C-alpha atoms as a PDB file:
ATOM      1  CA  MET A   1      79.390  94.898 127.109  1.00  0.00           C
ATOM      2  CA  LEU A   2      76.541  92.372 127.019  1.00  0.00           C
ATOM      3  CA  ALA A   3      75.481  93.524 123.543  1.00  0.00           C
ATOM      4  CA  ARG A   4      79.038  93.030 122.305  1.00  0.00           C
ATOM      5  CA  LEU A   5      79.241  89.543 123.824  1.00  0.00           C
ATOM      6  CA  CYS A   6      75.901  88.586 122.238  1.00  0.00           C
ATOM      7  CA  ASN A   7      76.759  90.296 118.934  1.00  0.00           C
ATOM      8  CA  LEU A   8      73.686  92.551 119.186  1.00  0.00           C
ATOM      9  CA  PRO A   9      73.346  96.184 118.091  1.00  0.00           C
ATOM     10  CA  ILE A  10      73.055  98.891 120.716  1.00  0.00           C
ATOM     11  CA  ALA A  11      70.344 101.537 120.299  1.00  0.00           C
ATOM     12  CA  VAL A  12      70.131 104.626 122.505  1.00  0.00           C
ATOM     13  CA  SER A  13      67.075 106.875 122.800  1.00  0.00           C
ATOM     14  CA  VAL A  14      67.989 110.507 123.507  1.00  0.00           C
ATOM     15  CA  HIS A  15      65.402 112.681 125.278  1.00  0.00           C
ATOM     16  CA  PHE A  16      67.657 115.505 126.472  1.00  0.00           C
ATOM     17  CA  THR A  17      70.619 117.627 125.408  1.00  0.00           C
ATOM     18  CA  MET A  18      73.893 115.830 126.022  1.00  0.00           C
ATOM     19  CA  THR A  19      77.172 117.500 127.004  1.00  0.00           C
ATOM     20  CA  ARG A  20      80.493 116.768 125.334  1.00  0.00           C
ATOM     21  CA  ASP A  21      81.900 115.203 128.511  1.00  0.00           C
ATOM     22  CA  PHE A  22      78.929 112.837 128.768  1.00  0.00           C
ATOM     23  CA  CYS A  23      79.105 111.843 125.093  1.00  0.00           C
ATOM     24  CA  THR A  24      82.805 111.115 125.328  1.00  0.00           C
ATOM     25  CA  TRP A  25      82.348 109.097 128.510  1.00  0.00           C
ATOM     26  CA  ALA A  26      79.299 107.151 127.280  1.00  0.00           C
ATOM     27  CA  PHE A  27      80.025 106.630 123.575  1.00  0.00           C
ATOM     28  CA  ALA A  28      83.746 106.922 122.813  1.00  0.00           C
ATOM     29  CA  GLY A  29      85.745 104.048 121.368  1.00  0.00           C
ATOM     30  CA  ARG A  30      84.177 100.605 121.650  1.00  0.00           C
ATOM     31  CA  ARG A  31      81.115 101.988 123.469  1.00  0.00           C
ATOM     32  CA  GLN A  32      79.676 103.527 120.278  1.00  0.00           C
ATOM     33  CA  PRO A  33      76.004 102.656 119.801  1.00  0.00           C
ATOM     34  CA  SER A  34      74.744 101.294 116.493  1.00  0.00           C
ATOM     35  CA  ARG A  35      72.021 103.973 116.490  1.00  0.00           C
ATOM     36  CA  LEU A  36      71.209 107.123 118.410  1.00  0.00           C
ATOM     37  CA  PHE A  37      67.481 107.885 118.227  1.00  0.00           C
ATOM     38  CA  PHE A  38      66.514 111.473 119.060  1.00  0.00           C
ATOM     39  CA  VAL A  39      62.902 112.313 119.972  1.00  0.00           C
ATOM     40  CA  SER A  40      63.042 115.619 118.070  1.00  0.00           C
ATOM     41  CA  ARG A  41      65.139 117.479 115.534  1.00  0.00           C
ATOM     42  CA  SER A  42      65.817 120.198 118.133  1.00  0.00           C
ATOM     43  CA  THR A  43      67.275 117.649 120.584  1.00  0.00           C
ATOM     44  CA  LEU A  44      69.531 116.315 117.842  1.00  0.00           C
ATOM     45  CA  GLU A  45      70.698 119.813 116.891  1.00  0.00           C
ATOM     46  CA  ALA A  46      71.304 120.788 120.531  1.00  0.00           C
ATOM     47  CA  SER A  47      73.454 117.667 121.025  1.00  0.00           C
ATOM     48  CA  ARG A  48      75.260 117.934 117.673  1.00  0.00           C
ATOM     49  CA  PRO A  49      78.356 119.820 118.966  1.00  0.00           C
ATOM     50  CA  SER A  50      78.775 117.274 121.760  1.00  0.00           C
ATOM     51  CA  LEU A  51      78.490 114.256 119.439  1.00  0.00           C
ATOM     52  CA  GLU A  52      80.580 115.377 116.479  1.00  0.00           C
ATOM     53  CA  GLY A  53      83.765 113.338 116.337  1.00  0.00           C
ATOM     54  CA  VAL A  54      82.449 110.878 118.957  1.00  0.00           C
ATOM     55  CA  VAL A  55      79.619 109.066 117.128  1.00  0.00           C
ATOM     56  CA  PRO A  56      79.393 109.245 113.309  1.00  0.00           C
ATOM     57  CA  GLU A  57      76.392 111.233 112.085  1.00  0.00           C
ATOM     58  CA  SER A  58      75.392 108.265 109.904  1.00  0.00           C
ATOM     59  CA  ARG A  59      74.234 106.580 113.124  1.00  0.00           C
ATOM     60  CA  TRP A  60      71.937 109.430 114.204  1.00  0.00           C
ATOM     61  CA  ARG A  61      68.187 109.304 113.544  1.00  0.00           C
ATOM     62  CA  VAL A  62      65.159 111.354 114.582  1.00  0.00           C
ATOM     63  CA  LEU A  63      62.343 109.130 115.776  1.00  0.00           C
ATOM     64  CA  TYR A  64      59.574 111.491 116.771  1.00  0.00           C
ATOM     65  CA  ASN A  65      57.959 110.895 120.145  1.00  0.00           C
ATOM     66  CA  GLY A  66      54.352 111.233 118.981  1.00  0.00           C
ATOM     67  CA  ILE A  67      52.256 111.728 115.870  1.00  0.00           C
ATOM     68  CA  ASP A  68      52.852 114.636 113.537  1.00  0.00           C
ATOM     69  CA  PRO A  69      49.398 116.222 113.056  1.00  0.00           C
ATOM     70  CA  ASP A  70      50.486 117.658 109.701  1.00  0.00           C
ATOM     71  CA  SER A  71      51.252 114.163 108.375  1.00  0.00           C
ATOM     72  CA  PHE A  72      48.200 112.555 109.987  1.00  0.00           C
ATOM     73  CA  PRO A  73      45.397 115.135 109.942  1.00  0.00           C
ATOM     74  CA  ARG A  74      42.073 114.485 111.643  1.00  0.00           C
ATOM     75  CA  ASP A  75      39.332 112.981 109.515  1.00  0.00           C
ATOM     76  CA  SER A  76      35.941 113.953 110.939  1.00  0.00           C
ATOM     77  CA  ALA A  77      34.084 111.543 108.647  1.00  0.00           C
ATOM     78  CA  GLN A  78      36.091 108.556 109.917  1.00  0.00           C
ATOM     79  CA  ARG A  79      35.622 109.689 113.507  1.00  0.00           C
ATOM     80  CA  ASP A  80      31.847 110.011 113.067  1.00  0.00           C
ATOM     81  CA  ALA A  81      31.591 106.607 111.343  1.00  0.00           C
ATOM     82  CA  PHE A  82      33.593 104.933 114.144  1.00  0.00           C
ATOM     83  CA  ARG A  83      31.443 106.549 116.837  1.00  0.00           C
ATOM     84  CA  LYS A  84      28.240 105.503 115.083  1.00  0.00           C
ATOM     85  CA  THR A  85      29.432 101.913 114.579  1.00  0.00           C
ATOM     86  CA  HIS A  86      30.489 101.528 118.208  1.00  0.00           C
ATOM     87  CA  GLY A  87      27.722 103.563 119.804  1.00  0.00           C
ATOM     88  CA  VAL A  88      30.079 106.176 121.171  1.00  0.00           C
ATOM     89  CA  GLU A  89      28.424 109.475 121.933  1.00  0.00           C
ATOM     90  CA  GLU A  90      29.876 112.920 121.364  1.00  0.00           C
ATOM     91  CA  ARG A  91      30.680 113.331 125.063  1.00  0.00           C
ATOM     92  CA  PRO A  92      32.036 110.851 127.589  1.00  0.00           C
END
C-alpha cells in the first residue's frame, strides 16, 4: 500500500517455491508486484504453475544468488599478481 501511495514500484525476491493459494493471496489484483526476482531458474519453474494467471510472466526475472563460475572462471595469473602485490601468501 505504501508503494502505491508513493508511486514506487514493488519488487519481490523469491527464494522458495510458492503455492497457488499464497500467490493468489499475496499478488492478485492491485497487489501485483512490478517485478518478481527468482534466485534460480529452478525456483521460477517450480513456482510457474502457481503464478500463471496471477502475475504476468513479463514481470518475472531470474537474478542469480551468486556468481556463475562458467561465466566468471578463475584466472590464476590475476590471483598470483594480486597476492604478490599485496604480500598475501598462499596460505592464511
